[in-house]
Amino acid sequence: MKNPFQKSRIPEGKAFLIRELKAPFFDVSWHFHTEYQLFVVLKGTGTRFVGDHMQNFREGDMVLTGPDLPHLWKNDKAYHLPENRLETHGIVIYLPDNFLNNSVFQLEEFEVIASMLKKSIRGLEIVGKTNLEVKQMMMELLDMTGVKSINHLLKILQTIADSADCRLIADAAYINTNKESEKDRMGQVYEYVTHNFQGKVSLEEAAQLSNLSVSAFSRFFKSRVNKSFSDFLTEVRISHACKLLHETDLNISEISYECGFFTLSNFNKLFKDRVKKTPVEYRKEFLKTFPV
C-alpha cells in the first residue's frame, strides 16, 4: 500500500477548502487528520470505516468526521479493475480544527454549530431529508467564492446542527490511540482484510505484515480498533453478506461461500449474533422496506 496521503490541504489564509473528487476509486489510505471533514458520495459503492465502526456505503453516503478520527471509504474490488472503467464521484469540505476558535464564533449564536462539531469526534452520519438538502448545498458551494461561500458554508453547518437526521458512528468509548507513524501499518492490515476476506485470512499473515508477533499484533490491533482481529474480520464478512442480500438473488448458501464462511451453520449463527436476524429474515425485511 502507498504511504498515507496528506490531507492537510487548506491553504494558509483560507477559512476552508472544498473539492470535487472524480477518480476510478476513492483514496485507498486509512488515515486521520487535524481537520473536520464533511464528505458525500455522489457515485460509488464499498465499505466505510470510521473509528471502530464499519458498514457498506453507496451513493448519498454523507459523513462529518472530527479531527483525528480515522476513516476510510474503501471501494468494492470492481472499482480497482481498470477494465471495468468504473468511476467514483464525491465532494469533500475540510475545516481547520480551530475553525470556531475565533472570538466571533464563540458567541451564543454559534453554540448549536459548536456543539455539533464537538459530537463529530465520533463521526456523524447524515441521512434523510437533511442529507438531500446538504448534498444540494455542497454542490452549490463548489461554484462560490469569498464572503458568499462563507455564508453558504455556515448555512450547511447550521442545517446539520438543527437536524435530527444525524447518527453518531463510533462507539462512545472509542479513542484514537493510533500514532502518525502507525498509519501505514494499520492501512496494510485493512487492505489485506478487504482484499482477502472472501477466502482464507490468517492472523499470522496479518501479524507478519505488521512486523509483529501474533500476540503483539493481537494486542496492538485491539487497542487501536476496539475489537479483536477475528471480530473485525467477521464484521467485514457480515457487512458484505448484507450487501449481497440487498443486491443479488444468490441463495443463503451461496452468500455464505462468497463471504468467506466455511460452513453455512457458522454463517447463520454469526449473522444472527450481529444483525439480530437470520439472513432470510434480514432479506425479507429489506425487500419489504425497499421493494424492487
Protein backbone atom coordinates (compact mmCIF):
# COMPACT_ATOMS: atom_id res chain seq x y z
CA MET A 1 0.00 0.00 0.00
CA LYS A 2 1.21 3.51 -0.74
CA ASN A 3 2.05 5.85 2.12
CA PRO A 4 -0.88 7.68 3.76
CA PHE A 5 -1.93 10.67 1.69
CA GLN A 6 -1.50 14.02 3.40
CA LYS A 7 -4.92 15.53 3.96
CA SER A 8 -3.90 18.95 5.34
CA ARG A 9 -4.81 20.82 2.19
CA ILE A 10 -6.29 24.10 3.44
CA PRO A 11 -4.15 26.91 2.04
CA GLU A 12 -2.90 29.48 4.52
CA GLY A 13 -5.29 32.41 4.70
CA LYS A 14 -8.39 30.41 3.71
CA ALA A 15 -11.20 29.55 6.12
CA PHE A 16 -11.97 26.18 4.49
CA LEU A 17 -11.44 24.08 1.38
CA ILE A 18 -13.98 22.32 -0.83
CA ARG A 19 -13.01 19.84 -3.54
CA GLU A 20 -14.85 17.75 -6.08
CA LEU A 21 -13.35 14.27 -6.39
CA LYS A 22 -13.56 12.15 -9.54
CA ALA A 23 -11.40 9.05 -9.91
CA PRO A 24 -11.67 5.29 -10.56
CA PHE A 25 -11.74 4.79 -6.77
CA PHE A 26 -11.53 6.85 -3.59
CA ASP A 27 -8.29 7.29 -1.63
CA VAL A 28 -7.16 3.82 -0.54
CA SER A 29 -5.29 5.04 2.55
CA TRP A 30 -6.70 4.54 6.04
CA HIS A 31 -5.89 7.86 7.65
CA PHE A 32 -6.77 10.65 10.06
CA HIS A 33 -6.02 14.36 10.03
CA THR A 34 -6.46 17.51 12.08
CA GLU A 35 -9.31 18.96 10.01
CA TYR A 36 -13.05 18.45 10.27
CA GLN A 37 -14.22 16.72 7.11
CA LEU A 38 -17.66 16.67 5.50
CA PHE A 39 -17.80 14.11 2.71
CA VAL A 40 -20.64 12.99 0.45
CA VAL A 41 -20.52 10.14 -2.06
CA LEU A 42 -22.20 11.05 -5.35
CA LYS A 43 -21.13 7.86 -7.14
CA GLY A 44 -19.51 4.67 -5.86
CA THR A 45 -20.01 1.75 -3.52
CA GLY A 46 -17.89 -0.09 -0.98
CA THR A 47 -17.18 -0.32 2.74
CA ARG A 48 -16.81 2.66 5.04
CA PHE A 49 -14.59 2.56 8.14
CA VAL A 50 -14.92 5.31 10.76
CA GLY A 51 -13.22 4.84 14.13
CA ASP A 52 -14.24 1.40 15.37
CA HIS A 53 -17.28 1.19 13.08
CA MET A 54 -17.74 -0.19 9.59
CA GLN A 55 -20.65 -0.51 7.17
CA ASN A 56 -21.40 -0.56 3.46
CA PHE A 57 -21.69 2.73 1.62
CA ARG A 58 -23.33 3.74 -1.62
CA GLU A 59 -24.40 6.89 -3.46
CA GLY A 60 -25.62 9.52 -0.99
CA ASP A 61 -23.48 8.40 1.93
CA MET A 62 -22.65 11.54 3.94
CA VAL A 63 -20.41 11.75 7.00
CA LEU A 64 -18.90 14.52 9.10
CA THR A 65 -15.70 13.42 10.85
CA GLY A 66 -13.96 15.38 13.58
CA PRO A 67 -10.22 15.98 13.95
CA ASP A 68 -8.03 12.86 14.25
CA LEU A 69 -10.91 10.39 13.72
CA PRO A 70 -9.56 7.56 11.50
CA HIS A 71 -11.58 6.87 8.36
CA LEU A 72 -11.54 5.11 5.00
CA TRP A 73 -14.04 4.77 2.16
CA LYS A 74 -12.85 1.53 0.58
CA ASN A 75 -14.41 0.88 -2.83
CA ASP A 76 -15.51 -2.58 -3.92
CA LYS A 77 -12.94 -4.66 -5.79
CA ALA A 78 -14.62 -3.97 -9.13
CA TYR A 79 -13.51 -0.31 -8.95
CA HIS A 80 -9.86 -1.34 -8.80
CA LEU A 81 -10.01 -3.28 -12.08
CA PRO A 82 -9.22 -0.89 -14.98
CA GLU A 83 -11.14 -3.00 -17.48
CA ASN A 84 -14.40 -2.22 -15.64
CA ARG A 85 -13.96 1.51 -16.31
CA LEU A 86 -15.85 2.45 -13.17
CA GLU A 87 -15.71 5.91 -11.64
CA THR A 88 -16.30 7.40 -8.22
CA HIS A 89 -17.52 10.92 -7.55
CA GLY A 90 -17.68 12.83 -4.30
CA ILE A 91 -17.46 16.25 -2.67
CA VAL A 92 -15.34 16.93 0.40
CA ILE A 93 -15.12 20.00 2.63
CA TYR A 94 -12.22 20.49 5.04
CA LEU A 95 -12.48 22.84 8.03
CA PRO A 96 -9.49 23.61 10.27
CA ASP A 97 -9.64 22.24 13.81
CA ASN A 98 -9.60 25.83 15.12
CA PHE A 99 -12.50 26.87 12.87
CA LEU A 100 -14.63 28.05 15.81
CA ASN A 101 -11.80 29.43 17.95
CA ASN A 102 -12.20 32.92 16.53
CA SER A 103 -13.95 35.13 19.08
CA VAL A 104 -16.95 35.78 16.82
CA PHE A 105 -17.66 32.05 16.59
CA GLN A 106 -17.71 31.72 20.38
CA LEU A 107 -20.82 33.89 20.60
CA GLU A 108 -24.17 32.44 21.65
CA GLU A 109 -25.46 32.41 18.07
CA PHE A 110 -22.94 29.72 17.15
CA GLU A 111 -23.46 27.43 20.16
CA VAL A 112 -25.52 24.89 18.20
CA ILE A 113 -22.88 24.59 15.47
CA ALA A 114 -20.10 24.33 18.05
CA SER A 115 -21.97 21.55 19.87
CA MET A 116 -22.49 19.66 16.61
CA LEU A 117 -18.79 19.89 15.73
CA LYS A 118 -17.87 18.51 19.16
CA LYS A 119 -20.10 15.48 18.50
CA SER A 120 -18.30 14.88 15.22
CA ILE A 121 -15.29 13.49 17.13
CA ARG A 122 -17.30 10.22 16.95
CA GLY A 123 -18.37 10.84 13.36
CA LEU A 124 -21.87 11.90 12.28
CA GLU A 125 -23.78 10.12 9.52
CA ILE A 126 -26.29 12.50 7.91
CA VAL A 127 -29.38 10.85 6.47
CA GLY A 128 -32.95 11.56 5.39
CA LYS A 129 -34.20 14.94 4.19
CA THR A 130 -31.17 16.71 5.66
CA ASN A 131 -28.87 14.55 3.55
CA LEU A 132 -30.61 15.66 0.36
CA GLU A 133 -30.62 19.32 1.39
CA VAL A 134 -26.95 19.36 2.39
CA LYS A 135 -25.86 17.47 -0.73
CA GLN A 136 -27.53 20.12 -2.91
CA MET A 137 -25.94 22.91 -0.86
CA MET A 138 -22.49 21.31 -1.18
CA MET A 139 -22.88 21.14 -4.96
CA GLU A 140 -23.82 24.84 -4.99
CA LEU A 141 -20.85 25.73 -2.79
CA LEU A 142 -18.44 24.39 -5.41
CA ASP A 143 -19.09 27.48 -7.56
CA MET A 144 -18.96 30.08 -4.77
CA THR A 145 -16.13 32.27 -3.56
CA GLY A 146 -15.48 34.99 -0.99
CA VAL A 147 -17.96 36.02 1.69
CA LYS A 148 -20.79 34.31 -0.20
CA SER A 149 -19.03 30.96 0.20
CA ILE A 150 -18.54 31.51 3.96
CA ASN A 151 -22.21 32.37 4.41
CA HIS A 152 -23.23 29.29 2.46
CA LEU A 153 -20.88 27.07 4.47
CA LEU A 154 -22.42 28.36 7.71
CA LYS A 155 -25.87 27.52 6.30
CA ILE A 156 -24.68 23.96 5.66
CA LEU A 157 -23.34 23.63 9.21
CA GLN A 158 -26.50 25.15 10.67
CA THR A 159 -28.69 22.77 8.66
CA ILE A 160 -26.79 19.78 10.04
CA ALA A 161 -26.73 21.19 13.58
CA ASP A 162 -30.52 21.79 13.60
CA SER A 163 -31.34 18.35 12.19
CA ALA A 164 -32.48 15.16 13.89
CA ASP A 165 -31.22 13.21 10.85
CA CYS A 166 -27.74 12.69 12.33
CA ARG A 167 -26.42 9.42 13.78
CA LEU A 168 -23.28 9.06 15.86
CA ILE A 169 -20.97 6.48 14.29
CA ALA A 170 -18.05 5.42 16.52
CA ASP A 171 -18.67 3.93 19.94
CA ALA A 172 -18.73 6.36 22.86
CA ALA A 173 -15.76 4.52 24.37
CA TYR A 174 -13.67 4.76 21.19
CA ILE A 175 -10.43 6.71 21.47
CA ASN A 176 -7.96 7.05 18.62
CA THR A 177 -4.75 5.69 20.14
CA ASN A 178 -3.02 5.40 16.76
CA LYS A 179 0.19 7.28 16.16
CA GLU A 180 1.04 9.10 12.94
CA SER A 181 3.79 6.55 12.30
CA GLU A 182 1.28 3.66 12.51
CA LYS A 183 -0.97 4.81 9.67
CA ASP A 184 0.77 2.66 7.10
CA ARG A 185 0.79 -0.39 9.38
CA MET A 186 -2.95 -0.18 10.01
CA GLY A 187 -3.59 0.63 6.37
CA GLN A 188 -1.82 -2.54 5.27
CA VAL A 189 -3.98 -4.62 7.61
CA TYR A 190 -7.20 -3.02 6.31
CA GLU A 191 -6.02 -3.59 2.74
CA TYR A 192 -5.17 -7.22 3.46
CA VAL A 193 -8.56 -7.97 5.02
CA THR A 194 -10.71 -6.13 2.49
CA HIS A 195 -8.93 -7.82 -0.43
CA ASN A 196 -8.90 -11.34 1.01
CA PHE A 197 -11.95 -11.75 3.28
CA GLN A 198 -13.75 -13.91 0.70
CA GLY A 199 -11.07 -16.55 1.14
CA LYS A 200 -8.66 -17.51 3.86
CA VAL A 201 -7.46 -14.70 6.12
CA SER A 202 -4.70 -15.52 8.56
CA LEU A 203 -3.95 -13.81 11.86
CA GLU A 204 -0.35 -14.90 11.37
CA GLU A 205 -0.14 -13.22 7.95
CA ALA A 206 -1.70 -10.01 9.28
CA ALA A 207 0.86 -10.00 12.09
CA GLN A 208 3.67 -10.60 9.60
CA LEU A 209 2.50 -7.64 7.50
CA SER A 210 2.75 -5.51 10.63
CA ASN A 211 6.20 -6.83 11.56
CA LEU A 212 4.83 -8.02 14.92
CA SER A 213 4.48 -11.35 16.67
CA VAL A 214 0.97 -12.81 16.72
CA SER A 215 0.45 -11.95 20.39
CA ALA A 216 1.84 -8.42 19.98
CA PHE A 217 -0.26 -7.84 16.87
CA SER A 218 -3.43 -9.03 18.63
CA ARG A 219 -2.84 -6.55 21.47
CA PHE A 220 -1.92 -3.77 19.04
CA PHE A 221 -4.98 -4.28 16.82
CA LYS A 222 -7.48 -4.46 19.67
CA SER A 223 -6.10 -1.33 21.33
CA ARG A 224 -6.46 0.60 18.04
CA VAL A 225 -9.76 -0.73 16.69
CA ASN A 226 -11.58 -1.50 19.95
CA LYS A 227 -12.21 -5.12 18.87
CA SER A 228 -10.26 -8.28 18.19
CA PHE A 229 -8.90 -9.07 14.73
CA SER A 230 -11.27 -12.06 14.41
CA ASP A 231 -14.28 -9.89 15.33
CA PHE A 232 -13.19 -7.28 12.79
CA LEU A 233 -12.86 -9.93 10.08
CA THR A 234 -16.30 -11.31 10.91
CA GLU A 235 -17.80 -7.82 10.68
CA VAL A 236 -16.26 -7.29 7.23
CA ARG A 237 -17.72 -10.61 6.06
CA ILE A 238 -21.17 -9.96 7.58
CA SER A 239 -21.22 -6.48 6.05
CA HIS A 240 -20.56 -7.97 2.62
CA ALA A 241 -23.28 -10.57 3.25
CA CYS A 242 -25.77 -7.76 3.92
CA LYS A 243 -24.77 -6.14 0.64
CA LEU A 244 -25.32 -9.40 -1.27
CA LEU A 245 -28.67 -9.94 0.44
CA HIS A 246 -29.70 -6.46 -0.75
CA GLU A 247 -28.36 -6.55 -4.27
CA THR A 248 -28.41 -10.15 -5.52
CA ASP A 249 -30.66 -13.17 -5.81
CA LEU A 250 -27.98 -15.56 -4.53
CA ASN A 251 -29.27 -18.13 -2.05
CA ILE A 252 -28.04 -18.12 1.55
CA SER A 253 -25.57 -20.93 0.99
CA GLU A 254 -24.01 -19.13 -1.98
CA ILE A 255 -23.76 -15.89 0.01
CA SER A 256 -22.12 -17.73 2.88
CA TYR A 257 -19.45 -19.05 0.50
CA GLU A 258 -18.98 -15.66 -1.23
CA CYS A 259 -18.29 -14.03 2.15
CA GLY A 260 -15.59 -16.45 3.24
CA PHE A 261 -17.54 -18.62 5.69
CA PHE A 262 -16.56 -22.27 5.61
CA THR A 263 -19.88 -23.66 6.89
CA LEU A 264 -23.46 -22.47 6.47
CA SER A 265 -24.27 -23.12 10.12
CA ASN A 266 -21.41 -20.89 11.27
CA PHE A 267 -22.52 -18.14 8.89
CA ASN A 268 -26.12 -18.28 10.13
CA LYS A 269 -25.03 -18.19 13.76
CA LEU A 270 -22.59 -15.28 13.37
CA PHE A 271 -25.04 -13.33 11.20
CA LYS A 272 -27.82 -13.62 13.77
CA ASP A 273 -25.44 -12.80 16.64
CA ARG A 274 -24.52 -9.50 14.99
CA VAL A 275 -27.60 -8.48 12.99
CA LYS A 276 -30.17 -9.96 15.42
CA LYS A 277 -31.97 -11.58 12.48
CA THR A 278 -31.34 -14.61 10.32
CA PRO A 279 -30.16 -13.91 6.75
CA VAL A 280 -33.60 -14.93 5.44
CA GLU A 281 -35.39 -12.60 7.87
CA TYR A 282 -33.00 -9.78 7.02
CA ARG A 283 -33.58 -10.13 3.27
CA LYS A 284 -37.38 -10.29 3.67
CA GLU A 285 -37.38 -7.18 5.87
CA PHE A 286 -35.19 -5.29 3.42
CA LEU A 287 -37.35 -6.21 0.43
CA LYS A 288 -40.46 -5.20 2.36
CA THR A 289 -38.93 -1.81 3.17
CA PHE A 290 -37.32 -1.28 -0.24
CA PRO A 291 -39.37 -3.27 -2.77
CA VAL A 292 -37.79 -3.85 -6.18
